Protein backbone atom coordinates (compact mmCIF):
# COMPACT_ATOMS: atom_id res chain seq x y z
CA MET A 1 89.32 128.22 120.51
CA LYS A 2 85.68 129.11 119.15
CA LYS A 3 84.13 125.75 117.93
CA ARG A 4 84.52 125.49 113.76
CA LYS A 5 81.93 124.01 111.90
CA HIS A 6 82.74 120.38 110.27
CA ILE A 7 80.83 119.20 107.15
CA ALA A 8 81.03 115.82 105.88
CA ALA A 9 81.29 115.04 101.77
CA ILE A 10 80.62 111.70 100.06
CA ILE A 11 82.21 111.28 97.22
CA PHE A 12 83.27 108.71 94.70
CA ASP A 13 86.58 108.10 91.82
CA VAL A 14 88.12 111.26 94.26
CA HIS A 15 91.06 110.58 92.03
CA ASP A 16 89.14 111.55 88.93
CA PRO A 17 89.57 115.08 87.20
CA TYR A 18 85.45 116.19 87.22
CA GLN A 19 85.26 114.66 90.89
CA SER A 20 88.09 116.41 91.93
CA ASN A 21 87.65 119.97 90.57
CA MET A 22 84.47 119.84 92.33
CA LEU A 23 85.79 118.41 95.58
CA LYS A 24 88.27 121.29 94.75
CA GLY A 25 85.56 123.55 94.84
CA VAL A 26 83.84 122.32 97.97
CA LEU A 27 86.99 122.12 100.13
CA GLU A 28 87.97 126.23 98.90
CA GLN A 29 84.56 127.19 99.89
CA ALA A 30 84.11 125.13 103.32
CA PHE A 31 88.07 126.74 103.87
CA PHE A 32 86.97 130.46 102.97
CA LEU A 33 84.16 129.69 105.52
CA ASP A 34 86.13 128.34 108.20
CA MET A 35 85.06 124.67 108.67
CA ASP A 36 86.67 121.24 108.25
CA VAL A 37 85.79 118.71 105.88
CA SER A 38 85.82 114.93 106.04
CA VAL A 39 85.84 113.15 102.95
CA PHE A 40 84.67 109.65 103.15
CA SER A 41 85.67 108.03 99.67
CA MET A 42 86.15 104.06 98.63
CA LEU A 43 89.01 103.94 96.31
CA HIS A 44 87.08 101.77 93.69
CA ASN A 45 83.55 102.22 92.44
CA VAL A 46 82.31 99.38 90.26
CA ASP A 47 78.57 98.35 89.98
CA SER A 48 78.73 94.81 91.64
CA ASP A 49 78.59 92.66 94.40
CA THR A 50 82.45 91.02 95.13
CA ALA A 51 83.94 90.51 98.02
CA PHE A 52 86.08 93.50 97.38
CA GLN A 53 83.49 95.74 96.39
CA ARG A 54 81.68 94.93 99.74
CA GLY A 55 84.94 95.83 101.83
CA GLU A 56 85.10 99.31 100.09
CA GLU A 57 81.67 100.07 100.86
CA ASN A 58 82.72 99.37 104.63
CA ILE A 59 83.99 102.84 105.23
CA PHE A 60 80.77 104.13 104.88
CA GLU A 61 79.93 102.71 108.34
CA LEU A 62 82.17 104.35 109.82
CA ILE A 63 80.56 107.38 110.16
CA ASN A 64 79.23 108.73 113.12
CA CYS A 65 76.41 111.53 111.97
CA GLU A 66 76.29 113.27 115.20
CA LEU A 67 79.88 114.32 114.73
CA PHE A 68 79.03 116.62 111.52
CA ASP A 69 77.07 119.91 110.95
CA GLY A 70 75.90 119.25 107.67
CA PHE A 71 76.56 116.42 104.94
CA ILE A 72 77.37 117.22 100.86
CA TYR A 73 76.64 113.76 98.95
CA VAL A 74 77.37 113.00 95.49
CA PRO A 75 74.80 110.24 94.42
CA GLY A 76 75.15 110.29 90.37
CA VAL A 77 78.40 108.72 90.07
CA ILE A 78 77.58 105.75 92.50
CA HIS A 79 77.66 102.65 90.10
CA LYS A 80 75.76 100.08 92.44
CA GLU A 81 71.71 100.95 93.11
CA LYS A 82 71.45 98.65 96.38
CA PHE A 83 74.63 100.59 98.09
CA LYS A 84 73.30 104.10 97.26
CA ALA A 85 70.01 102.94 98.29
CA MET A 86 71.62 102.06 101.70
CA LEU A 87 73.41 106.15 101.53
CA ASP A 88 70.14 107.20 100.92
CA LYS A 89 68.30 106.04 103.78
CA LYS A 90 71.48 106.64 105.93
CA LEU A 91 71.43 110.53 105.07
CA ALA A 92 67.84 110.99 105.27
CA GLU A 93 67.91 109.40 108.84
CA CYS A 94 70.75 111.37 109.33
CA GLY A 95 69.21 114.45 111.06
CA LYS A 96 71.98 116.98 109.29
CA PRO A 97 71.23 119.32 106.39
CA VAL A 98 72.09 117.11 103.01
CA VAL A 99 72.71 118.62 100.33
CA CYS A 100 73.16 116.57 96.99
CA MET A 101 75.43 118.03 94.34
CA ASP A 102 75.59 117.58 90.56
CA THR A 103 72.29 114.87 91.03
CA VAL A 104 68.72 115.90 91.75
CA GLU A 105 68.08 113.40 94.50
CA ASP A 106 64.23 113.05 96.00
CA GLY A 107 64.24 113.99 99.55
CA PHE A 108 67.29 116.47 99.42
CA GLU A 109 68.06 119.80 98.66
CA SER A 110 70.15 119.72 95.11
CA VAL A 111 72.68 121.66 93.13
CA LEU A 112 73.41 121.74 89.84
CA ALA A 113 76.52 122.50 87.57
CA ASP A 114 74.98 125.85 84.95
CA ASP A 115 75.62 123.34 82.01
CA VAL A 116 72.95 125.39 80.24
CA LYS A 117 75.12 128.29 79.92
CA ALA A 118 78.31 126.17 79.55
CA PHE A 119 76.90 124.18 76.72
CA GLU A 120 75.29 126.90 75.15
CA LYS A 121 79.23 128.79 74.94
CA LEU A 122 80.65 125.82 73.45
CA VAL A 123 77.96 125.69 70.42
CA ASP A 124 78.75 129.44 70.23
CA HIS A 125 82.13 128.31 69.48
CA PHE A 126 81.38 126.69 66.30
CA ILE A 127 79.12 129.50 65.17
CA ASP A 128 81.41 132.27 65.90
CA VAL A 129 84.67 131.16 65.25
CA HIS A 130 84.43 127.98 62.57
CA GLY A 131 81.01 129.92 61.02
CA PHE A 132 79.28 126.45 61.15
CA THR A 133 75.51 126.30 61.33
CA LYS A 134 74.77 122.37 60.68
CA ILE A 135 75.30 121.63 64.04
CA PHE A 136 74.18 118.29 65.65
CA CYS A 137 73.65 117.04 69.33
CA LEU A 138 74.24 114.14 70.87
CA THR A 139 73.08 114.70 74.32
CA GLY A 140 73.11 111.55 77.28
CA TYR A 141 70.12 109.79 78.82
CA GLU A 142 66.46 111.89 78.23
CA CYS A 143 65.75 111.06 81.83
CA LEU A 144 68.98 112.67 83.14
CA VAL A 145 68.42 116.46 83.98
CA GLN A 146 72.13 117.09 82.84
CA SER A 147 71.09 115.91 79.20
CA ARG A 148 68.19 118.34 79.12
CA ASP A 149 70.34 121.19 80.36
CA ARG A 150 72.86 120.20 78.02
CA LEU A 151 70.67 119.95 74.92
CA GLU A 152 68.82 123.21 76.18
CA GLY A 153 72.25 125.18 75.82
CA TYR A 154 72.28 123.49 72.59
CA LYS A 155 68.85 124.88 71.59
CA LYS A 156 69.69 128.51 72.71
CA SER A 157 72.96 129.57 71.12
CA LEU A 158 71.26 128.17 68.00
CA ARG A 159 67.90 130.40 68.39
CA LYS A 160 70.57 133.24 69.50
CA HIS A 161 72.19 133.28 66.26
CA GLY A 162 69.15 132.22 64.00
CA ILE A 163 69.37 129.18 63.57
CA GLU A 164 66.79 126.76 62.98
CA ILE A 165 66.51 124.21 65.94
CA ARG A 166 66.30 120.98 63.55
CA GLU A 167 64.49 117.30 65.90
CA ASP A 168 66.48 115.10 63.26
CA TYR A 169 69.94 117.57 64.40
CA ILE A 170 69.11 115.84 68.48
CA ARG A 171 69.99 112.21 69.38
CA TYR A 172 69.44 111.37 73.04
CA GLY A 173 72.48 109.02 74.11
CA ASP A 174 74.20 106.63 76.52
CA PHE A 175 77.35 109.24 77.72
CA TRP A 176 79.49 106.43 76.53
CA GLU A 177 79.76 103.70 73.53
CA GLU A 178 77.01 102.30 72.08
CA ALA A 179 75.13 105.70 71.44
CA ALA A 180 78.25 107.34 69.57
CA LYS A 181 79.21 104.51 67.62
CA ASN A 182 75.49 103.79 66.41
CA LEU A 183 75.38 107.67 65.14
CA ALA A 184 79.25 107.33 63.41
CA HIS A 185 77.96 104.10 61.61
CA GLU A 186 74.16 106.23 60.28
CA ILE A 187 76.63 109.34 59.47
CA ILE A 188 79.14 106.39 57.27
CA ASP A 189 76.15 104.73 56.05
CA GLY A 190 74.92 107.90 54.93
CA LYS A 191 71.23 107.56 56.69
CA ILE A 192 71.72 111.17 58.03
CA GLU A 193 72.49 114.10 56.57
CA ARG A 194 76.16 114.85 57.42
CA PRO A 195 76.57 117.57 59.59
CA GLU A 196 79.21 119.87 59.71
CA VAL A 197 80.04 119.29 63.56
CA VAL A 198 78.83 116.99 66.33
CA VAL A 199 78.78 118.42 69.82
CA CYS A 200 78.62 115.61 72.27
CA ALA A 201 77.03 116.11 75.96
CA ASN A 202 80.38 114.57 77.26
CA ASP A 203 84.02 113.26 76.29
CA TRP A 204 83.73 109.35 75.95
CA MET A 205 80.72 110.11 73.15
CA ALA A 206 82.85 112.46 71.55
CA ILE A 207 85.79 109.88 71.42
CA ASN A 208 84.20 106.84 70.78
CA LEU A 209 82.37 108.73 67.88
CA CYS A 210 85.80 110.43 66.51
CA ASN A 211 87.36 107.06 66.51
CA THR A 212 84.61 105.03 65.11
CA LEU A 213 84.72 107.91 62.01
CA THR A 214 88.41 108.06 61.67
CA ASP A 215 88.58 104.10 61.50
CA ASN A 216 85.87 104.21 58.48
CA GLY A 217 88.51 106.53 56.50
CA PHE A 218 86.76 109.95 57.29
CA ASP A 219 89.30 112.64 58.29
CA VAL A 220 88.23 114.87 61.71
CA PRO A 221 87.92 117.66 61.24
CA GLY A 222 88.39 117.93 57.77
CA ASP A 223 85.02 115.88 56.94
CA ILE A 224 83.69 116.83 60.19
CA ALA A 225 83.93 118.57 63.49
CA ILE A 226 83.52 116.83 67.31
CA SER A 227 83.41 118.24 70.39
CA GLY A 228 82.82 116.49 73.97
CA TYR A 229 82.22 118.06 77.28
CA ASP A 230 83.51 118.10 80.53
CA PHE A 231 87.24 118.00 79.50
CA MET A 232 88.85 115.12 80.65
CA GLN A 233 92.64 113.40 79.74
CA GLU A 234 91.57 110.96 77.37
CA ALA A 235 90.23 113.34 75.21
CA LEU A 236 93.37 115.57 75.73
CA ASP A 237 95.42 112.09 74.72
CA ASN A 238 92.91 111.19 71.50
CA VAL A 239 94.41 111.49 68.24
CA PRO A 240 92.73 113.76 67.42
CA SER A 241 92.93 115.52 70.31
CA ILE A 242 88.95 116.46 71.11
CA THR A 243 88.23 119.91 71.70
CA SER A 244 85.72 119.79 74.61
CA TYR A 245 84.63 122.59 77.73
CA ALA A 246 86.16 122.81 81.55
CA ALA A 247 82.49 122.66 83.08
CA PRO A 248 82.37 125.08 86.17
CA ASN A 249 82.78 122.19 88.45
CA HIS A 250 85.14 124.39 90.62
CA ALA A 251 82.00 126.60 90.81
CA LEU A 252 79.64 123.62 91.35
CA GLY A 253 81.81 122.61 94.74
CA ALA A 254 81.51 126.21 96.08
CA ARG A 255 77.84 126.70 95.77
CA THR A 256 76.99 123.48 96.81
CA VAL A 257 78.88 124.46 100.05
CA GLY A 258 77.24 128.07 99.88
CA VAL A 259 73.49 125.95 100.41
CA LEU A 260 74.40 123.57 103.23
CA TRP A 261 76.06 126.97 104.61
CA LYS A 262 72.65 128.65 104.82
CA LEU A 263 70.72 125.11 105.43
CA MET A 264 72.55 124.92 108.44
CA THR A 265 73.15 128.86 109.95
CA GLY A 266 69.61 130.23 108.17
CA GLU A 267 71.94 132.63 106.68
CA GLU A 268 73.66 133.50 102.94
CA CYS A 269 77.22 133.32 102.31
CA GLU A 270 79.66 135.60 100.14
CA LEU A 271 80.73 132.75 97.38
CA CYS A 272 84.80 132.45 96.48
CA THR A 273 84.28 131.86 93.18
CA HIS A 274 81.92 132.40 90.01
CA ASP A 275 84.25 130.43 86.98
CA ILE A 276 81.72 129.25 84.58
CA GLY A 277 84.04 127.17 82.27
CA TYR A 278 86.27 127.67 79.25
CA VAL A 279 86.23 126.08 75.88
CA ILE A 280 88.97 124.11 75.48
CA THR A 281 90.16 123.58 71.42
CA GLY A 282 91.63 120.46 70.56
CA GLN A 283 92.67 119.00 66.70
CA SER A 284 89.19 117.96 66.24
CA CYS A 285 87.74 121.38 65.70
CA GLY A 286 90.36 122.50 63.41
CA CYS A 287 92.13 124.39 66.17
CA GLY A 288 94.44 122.07 67.03
CA LYS A 289 97.19 125.06 66.01
CA ASP A 290 95.92 126.62 69.41
CA SER A 291 95.60 124.10 71.62
CA LYS A 292 98.89 123.83 73.35
CA GLU A 293 99.09 127.28 74.04
CA LEU A 294 95.23 126.70 75.81
CA MET A 295 96.29 123.64 77.77
CA ALA A 296 99.01 124.55 79.03
CA LYS A 297 97.76 125.05 82.49
CA ARG A 298 96.20 121.66 82.36
CA LYS A 299 99.55 120.18 81.23
CA ALA A 300 101.11 121.98 83.69
CA GLU A 301 98.63 120.22 86.62
CA LEU A 302 98.90 116.75 85.13
CA LYS A 303 103.27 117.63 84.90
CA ASN A 304 103.51 116.87 88.46
CA GLN A 305 101.53 114.27 89.07
CA GLN A 306 102.90 112.48 86.48
CA GLN A 307 106.07 112.76 87.98
CA PHE A 308 104.83 111.29 91.36
CA GLU A 309 103.78 108.00 89.13
CA SER A 310 106.92 107.46 87.69
CA VAL A 311 108.67 108.23 91.01
CA TYR A 312 106.11 105.64 92.31
CA GLU A 313 106.66 102.95 89.50
CA ALA A 314 110.19 102.76 90.62
CA SER A 315 109.86 102.56 93.89
CA ASN A 316 109.11 98.99 94.51
CA MET A 317 107.02 99.66 97.51
CA ALA A 318 104.84 96.57 96.86
CA GLU A 319 107.61 93.96 97.03
CA ALA A 320 109.35 95.71 99.75
CA LEU A 321 105.94 95.64 101.97
CA THR A 322 105.06 91.71 101.20
CA ASN A 323 108.70 91.04 102.09
CA THR A 324 108.24 92.09 106.13
CA SER A 325 107.32 89.37 107.93
CA ASP A 326 104.96 91.20 111.34
CA LEU A 327 103.72 94.34 111.47
CA GLU A 328 105.93 96.61 112.85
CA GLU A 329 108.78 95.23 110.09
CA CYS A 330 105.94 96.14 107.91
CA ILE A 331 105.11 99.47 109.50
CA ASN A 332 109.11 100.63 109.27
CA CYS A 333 108.75 99.79 106.33
CA LEU A 334 105.17 101.91 104.90
CA ASP A 335 107.32 105.02 106.66
CA ASN A 336 109.71 105.28 103.74
CA TYR A 337 107.15 105.71 101.45
CA THR A 338 104.76 108.26 102.54
CA TYR A 339 106.88 110.63 100.58
CA LEU A 340 105.18 109.29 97.04
CA ILE A 341 102.02 110.97 98.60
CA ASP A 342 101.98 114.19 97.02
CA GLY A 343 101.52 116.77 99.43
CA LEU A 344 101.10 114.79 102.69
CA GLU A 345 100.66 116.83 105.91
CA ASN A 346 98.78 114.13 107.38
CA TYR A 347 98.79 110.16 107.42
CA TYR A 348 97.01 108.03 110.07
CA LEU A 349 96.72 103.82 109.81
CA CYS A 350 93.78 103.13 112.35
CA LEU A 351 93.78 99.81 112.70
CA CYS A 352 90.92 97.36 114.33
CA TYR A 353 92.45 95.61 117.40
CA ASN A 354 91.70 92.56 116.34
CA TRP A 355 92.71 92.68 112.79
CA ASP A 356 94.74 89.60 112.11
CA GLU A 357 93.54 87.79 115.19
CA VAL A 358 92.76 83.81 114.67
CA THR A 359 89.99 82.38 116.64
CA ASP A 360 88.53 79.29 116.85
CA ASP A 361 85.38 80.77 115.24
CA GLU A 362 86.90 81.64 112.29
CA LEU A 363 89.24 78.19 112.24
CA ARG A 364 85.60 76.63 112.17
CA ASP A 365 83.40 79.07 110.33
CA ASN A 366 85.85 81.49 108.38
CA SER A 367 83.65 83.86 110.61
CA TYR A 368 85.55 87.55 110.82
CA LEU A 369 84.80 90.78 111.04
CA ARG A 370 83.52 92.04 107.27
CA CYS A 371 81.05 95.24 108.78
CA GLY A 372 81.79 97.92 111.09
CA TYR A 373 85.04 98.40 113.14
CA THR A 374 85.69 97.33 116.03
CA ASP A 375 84.94 99.63 119.18
CA VAL A 376 88.22 100.38 119.71
CA MET A 377 90.43 101.24 117.21
CA THR A 378 94.21 101.79 117.28
CA ILE A 379 96.44 104.04 115.15
CA LYS A 380 99.40 102.15 114.51
CA HIS A 381 101.10 104.64 112.25
CA TRP A 382 101.25 108.20 112.24
CA LYS A 383 103.26 110.72 109.98
CA GLN A 384 103.35 114.16 109.98
CA VAL A 385 105.25 115.88 106.69
CA ASP A 386 108.39 114.00 107.15
CA THR A 387 108.20 113.35 111.25
CA ARG A 388 107.02 110.05 112.51
CA ILE A 389 104.76 110.66 115.55
CA GLN A 390 104.35 108.01 117.90
CA GLY A 391 101.91 104.86 116.89
CA ASP A 392 99.89 102.70 119.01
CA ILE A 393 97.36 105.57 120.48
CA GLN A 394 93.82 103.69 121.25
CA PHE A 395 90.58 105.82 120.32
CA ASP A 396 86.75 105.12 120.72
CA LYS A 397 85.69 104.75 116.74
CA SER A 398 83.25 106.78 117.77
CA ILE A 399 85.43 110.11 117.18
CA MET A 400 86.73 108.61 113.92
CA LEU A 401 90.21 110.14 114.80
CA PRO A 402 91.31 111.96 117.31
CA ALA A 403 92.41 114.95 115.04
CA LEU A 404 89.42 115.66 114.03
CA TRP A 405 88.60 117.50 116.64
CA GLU A 406 91.54 118.85 118.05
CA ASP A 407 91.85 122.68 118.08
CA ARG A 408 94.00 124.26 114.58
CA GLU A 409 94.21 127.62 113.30
CA GLU A 410 93.44 126.83 109.88
CA PRO A 411 90.37 124.95 108.50
CA THR A 412 91.67 121.16 107.33
CA ALA A 413 90.08 117.95 105.24
CA PHE A 414 90.63 114.55 106.07
CA TYR A 415 90.20 111.62 103.32
CA PHE A 416 88.98 108.56 104.92
CA THR A 417 89.16 105.24 102.66
CA PRO A 418 88.97 101.79 103.76
CA ILE A 419 91.97 99.42 104.70
CA HIS A 420 90.93 95.71 103.76
CA PHE A 421 91.19 92.55 102.13
CA ASN A 422 88.35 91.70 99.40
CA ASP A 423 85.51 91.65 102.38
CA ARG A 424 87.75 91.41 105.34
CA CYS A 425 87.54 94.46 107.46
CA PHE A 426 91.49 95.74 108.71
CA GLY A 427 90.55 99.13 109.56
CA TYR A 428 91.22 102.41 107.61
CA GLU A 429 93.49 105.23 106.76
CA VAL A 430 93.03 108.85 106.53
CA ILE A 431 95.32 111.44 105.07
CA SER A 432 95.57 115.11 105.04
CA TYR A 433 96.56 117.74 103.07
CA GLY A 434 95.85 120.67 105.35
CA ASN A 435 94.14 123.45 104.03
CA LYS A 436 95.42 122.85 100.31
CA LEU A 437 93.01 122.32 97.61
CA LYS A 438 94.44 118.90 96.60
CA THR A 439 92.75 115.27 96.57
CA TYR A 440 94.64 112.09 96.57
CA ASP A 441 95.29 110.71 92.96
CA LYS A 442 95.77 107.05 91.33
CA VAL A 443 99.24 107.09 93.05
CA TYR A 444 97.40 107.02 96.39
CA ARG A 445 95.11 103.97 94.85
CA SER A 446 97.90 101.97 93.85
CA TRP A 447 99.92 102.79 97.04
CA THR A 448 96.83 102.18 99.28
CA LYS A 449 96.59 98.58 97.37
CA ASN A 450 100.04 98.06 98.14
CA ILE A 451 98.86 98.32 102.20
CA ASN A 452 95.63 96.81 102.11
CA ASN A 453 98.03 93.25 100.47
CA ALA A 454 100.64 93.55 102.77
CA LEU A 455 98.61 93.42 105.71
CA GLU A 456 96.87 90.34 104.10
CA PHE A 457 100.41 88.75 103.71
CA ILE A 458 101.37 89.38 107.72
CA ARG A 459 97.80 88.32 108.33
CA VAL A 460 98.53 84.95 106.87
CA GLN A 461 101.70 84.33 107.87
CA ASN A 462 100.51 84.98 111.27
CA TYR A 463 97.65 82.50 110.31
CA LEU A 464 100.28 79.70 109.65
CA LYS A 465 102.12 80.17 112.82
CA THR A 466 99.48 80.08 114.93
CA ILE A 467 98.12 76.52 113.10
CA ASN A 468 101.06 75.00 112.87
CA GLN A 469 101.95 75.96 116.88
CA ARG A 470 98.01 74.41 117.26
CA LEU A 471 99.11 71.52 115.01
CA PHE A 472 102.26 71.15 117.17
CA MET A 473 100.65 71.30 120.57
CA THR A 474 98.51 68.50 119.41
CA SER A 475 101.49 66.47 118.85
CA VAL A 476 102.59 67.15 122.22
CA ARG A 477 99.31 66.88 124.14
CA ASP A 478 98.11 63.53 125.45
CA ALA A 479 94.96 63.12 123.89
CA LEU A 480 92.74 62.43 126.98
CA THR A 481 94.26 64.02 129.59
CA GLY A 482 95.68 67.60 127.22
CA ILE A 483 98.94 67.35 129.29
CA PHE A 484 101.73 67.21 127.74
CA ASN A 485 102.43 63.40 126.26
CA ARG A 486 106.12 61.45 126.24
CA LYS A 487 107.41 63.84 123.39
CA GLY A 488 106.49 66.75 124.74
CA PHE A 489 108.07 65.51 128.15
CA ASP A 490 111.07 65.27 125.64
CA LYS A 491 111.14 68.29 123.84
CA PHE A 492 110.45 70.41 127.29
CA SER A 493 112.36 68.60 130.06
CA GLU A 494 115.65 69.55 128.19
CA GLU A 495 114.74 72.67 127.89
CA ILE A 496 114.51 72.87 131.84
CA ILE A 497 117.21 71.05 132.46
CA ASN A 498 119.05 73.45 130.74
CA ASP A 499 117.91 76.49 131.88
CA ALA A 500 118.85 74.82 135.66
CA LYS A 501 122.15 74.48 134.53
CA LYS A 502 122.43 77.91 133.19
CA ASN A 503 121.23 79.68 135.96
CA ARG A 504 122.19 77.35 139.21
CA LYS A 505 118.46 76.25 139.88
CA LYS A 506 117.52 73.71 141.43
CA MET A 507 115.69 70.87 139.69
CA PHE A 508 112.45 69.33 140.28
CA ILE A 509 110.88 66.13 139.72
CA LEU A 510 107.67 64.10 140.78
CA ALA A 511 107.59 60.89 139.09
CA ALA A 512 103.85 59.75 139.85
CA ASP A 513 102.17 55.96 138.86
CA LEU A 514 98.59 55.41 139.42
CA ASP A 515 97.81 52.69 141.31
CA ARG A 516 95.61 49.72 140.92
CA LEU A 517 94.74 51.08 136.99
CA LYS A 518 94.24 47.09 135.39
CA MET A 519 92.29 46.39 138.76
CA ILE A 520 90.07 49.03 137.39
CA ASN A 521 89.94 48.46 134.08
CA ASP A 522 89.63 44.52 134.84
CA THR A 523 86.74 45.45 137.35
CA TYR A 524 84.74 48.29 136.02
CA GLY A 525 85.80 49.38 132.61
CA HIS A 526 87.96 51.09 130.52
CA SER A 527 85.98 54.36 130.95
CA GLU A 528 86.38 54.04 134.31
CA GLY A 529 90.03 53.25 134.28
CA ASP A 530 90.02 56.38 131.88
CA ASN A 531 88.79 58.45 134.68
CA ALA A 532 91.01 57.21 136.91
CA ILE A 533 93.74 58.49 134.97
CA LEU A 534 92.12 62.07 133.99
CA ILE A 535 91.70 62.55 137.79
CA THR A 536 95.54 61.98 138.40
CA ALA A 537 96.39 64.15 135.66
CA ARG A 538 94.22 67.18 136.99
CA ALA A 539 95.98 66.18 140.94
CA LEU A 540 99.29 66.68 139.22
CA ASN A 541 98.64 69.55 136.89
CA THR A 542 96.73 71.72 139.47
CA SER A 543 99.69 71.52 142.09
CA CYS A 544 101.99 72.97 139.11
CA ILE A 545 102.14 76.74 140.70
CA ASN A 546 105.82 77.35 139.60
CA ASN A 547 105.81 77.33 135.71
CA GLU A 548 106.56 72.94 136.13
CA ILE A 549 105.13 71.30 133.45
CA CYS A 550 103.18 68.31 133.62
CA ALA A 551 103.30 64.98 131.19
CA ARG A 552 101.76 61.98 130.86
CA THR A 553 104.93 59.86 130.23
CA GLY A 554 102.77 56.08 129.98
CA GLY A 555 99.51 54.28 130.56
CA ASP A 556 99.73 54.96 134.14
CA GLU A 557 102.65 57.19 134.58
CA PHE A 558 103.04 60.77 135.04
CA VAL A 559 105.97 63.05 135.59
CA VAL A 560 106.02 66.72 137.41
CA ILE A 561 108.90 68.70 136.74
CA GLY A 562 110.56 72.06 136.79
CA SER A 563 113.68 74.54 137.67
CA GLY A 564 113.78 76.75 140.29
CA ASN A 565 114.70 77.68 144.02
CA TYR A 566 112.62 74.89 145.39
CA ASP A 567 113.43 73.82 149.40
CA ASP A 568 111.94 71.22 151.42
CA GLU A 569 108.90 73.03 152.81
CA ILE A 570 107.84 73.92 149.18
CA ILE A 571 108.48 69.88 147.99
CA SER A 572 106.26 68.75 151.04
CA LYS A 573 103.07 71.40 149.68
CA TYR A 574 103.11 69.90 146.27
CA ILE A 575 102.72 66.29 148.14
CA LYS A 576 100.18 67.62 150.36
CA SER A 577 98.37 69.12 147.92
CA ILE A 578 98.30 66.14 145.62
CA ASN A 579 97.59 63.69 147.98
CA SER A 580 94.62 66.27 149.55
CA PHE A 581 93.26 66.62 145.43
CA PHE A 582 92.75 62.67 145.68
CA ALA A 583 91.56 62.62 149.16
CA ARG A 584 88.64 65.22 148.45
CA TYR A 585 87.34 63.52 145.08
CA ASN A 586 87.52 60.80 146.87
CA GLU A 587 85.05 61.57 149.32
CA SER A 588 82.58 62.93 146.56
CA SER A 589 82.99 60.91 143.80
CA ASP A 590 80.58 57.75 144.84
CA LYS A 591 82.75 55.75 142.85
CA PRO A 592 83.58 52.41 143.63
CA TYR A 593 87.81 52.44 143.62
CA LYS A 594 89.66 55.06 145.04
CA VAL A 595 91.86 56.73 142.78
CA GLU A 596 95.52 56.78 144.50
CA ALA A 597 98.84 57.39 142.97
CA SER A 598 102.49 56.32 144.12
CA LEU A 599 104.94 59.41 144.15
CA GLY A 600 108.90 59.89 144.18
CA VAL A 601 110.85 62.86 143.95
CA TYR A 602 114.11 64.31 143.53
CA CYS A 603 114.98 68.03 144.13
CA GLY A 604 118.43 69.37 143.58
CA PHE A 605 121.37 71.49 141.80
CA VAL A 606 122.76 69.76 138.57
CA ASP A 607 125.87 70.48 136.79
CA ASP A 608 126.84 70.36 133.17
CA GLU A 609 127.54 66.67 132.91
CA THR A 610 124.67 65.53 134.79
CA GLN A 611 121.84 63.76 132.43
CA LEU A 612 118.47 64.11 132.73
CA LYS A 613 118.10 59.89 133.10
CA GLU A 614 120.03 59.84 136.34
CA ILE A 615 117.99 62.49 138.29
CA MET A 616 114.71 60.57 136.43
CA ASP A 617 115.99 57.34 137.97
CA VAL A 618 116.37 58.95 141.05
CA ALA A 619 112.41 60.28 141.12
CA ASP A 620 111.76 56.52 139.87
CA LYS A 621 113.45 54.63 142.65
CA GLU A 622 111.96 56.66 145.18
CA MET A 623 108.22 56.17 143.26
CA TYR A 624 108.53 52.18 143.06
CA ASP A 625 109.66 52.05 146.48
CA ASN A 626 106.42 54.07 148.12
CA LYS A 627 104.65 51.85 145.36
CA VAL A 628 105.55 48.89 147.54
CA ARG A 629 104.91 49.89 150.62
CA ARG A 630 101.97 51.12 149.41
CA LYS A 631 100.84 48.04 148.02
CA ALA A 632 101.98 45.84 151.11
CA ASN A 633 99.88 48.33 154.02
CA ARG A 634 96.79 48.52 151.14
CA VAL A 635 94.17 46.08 152.26
CA ASP A 636 91.94 46.12 148.78
């Protein structure tokens, strides 16, 4: 099969209708040209330098520019300038064609919506349908091409209808609240002549203008009509509903792919859509009686989304996930909630190999993975429509996802979003709707947040278990030698004798007593006495080759204990190994004293009635007898 071209789209706020419509246009044109699309997006896009926001931004560290034929970039909606500068640099240096959509950006090709023609049509509505001639225009920031283009559309409509363009009826705004509220108060206070209608360059300004006027006793549209632009859900929900314009964002996305195609191939392509948008009338212009019919299409689109939102709210997904105790249980639980992703064809949860690792570095200085991803990633969960595919698939991070590069009959889109808790990187997730013209919604944002929180909950549980285990091990270990202390011996020796009884194994106990410790302390100092204790612990511990445990049970007393298939030859090897260790040390240490120990052994089967103390006494007696003999034969 011929290798299909693959483009990447870097776009934000995908759940928002404005960006969603642009992206659907990108997908439709890309599929029309038989191209795959990978979409990289943050689920939260704010101007802040919080740990959480840095965790969101990390997803862009994943992009391997070498694997894509070209990029579509939407920088105009990035709220954080420092982060935008990083992306600008990454794309400028990627060596592949890059086209900016809906924004003019230095160094890149740019494609803009035909706001001039669209805004002209909006103003035409108020002249042709309502007969207005006193029309005020509140556009956006003067520095933005969108503001200037929408203003030019306003002027074109007035010129076309022979209406005077009054400079005092033109105002640059901010695409938000302040400019709209200031204009409202100027109208309320009579500081400017009241127009018949104010056409705003976006819906947010129209909503704020409308609500400020109505809060101060104005009738909209009786006293003054208002319109917005770009058509958003909040405009439909406002009281009164705001007349707006469904901008040709779908066509903008398609045209952007067309420009990218020419940069990649050197050839023009046919466009799959030429939509220029349409006026959606609401109550704010007096056409409210027609709004239900004109908005029926939009409401139909929203109905399914609202149904999924309701199902999600009733699902108790968050509670179920955070009630799991380990990753496997969490993923099994997660599998039950993929039905909440409307239209899902494939879902992949890709985790770093050390996503929950507790290292000494982290315990010491809070060091963990913040930037980038591990070289090896693991698909821990893969859901294909209603079927769960085998997990634990490892792959090299450089390919981002194995499925991207598989042969497919139809082109496909993949959405990459980060999985993290604050700035702690866990991995990322990828969803695909196949070749449907579909983008993720607000439910998916909340759905993903639940996964983030659940993984952090499990990580913290694992962290606490590790800490508790380390604290426990500290309590059962001898501080000087590192082998078990009396408490550790008491705990684990019971387990060993029970294993011997249950499985008919022999018990092996080797009791050891360090010779002449008092003499070493008194003559050479306690630091040398500690050295002798350490050497004895090493001699005994290195002999434990069959999962025995070694413990220091007193100042100069040690025990080795185990259960297994012991015989006389094995026992002899243990004793020889210990004595050889002492001999090698004494020969090379240059110490004025020798380190030696008296040994005693018990080895045999035990029955249910046998107590540990009984067989310990046997080993202790043999060790004591050995000590007496050694003392009698020793020449100090």
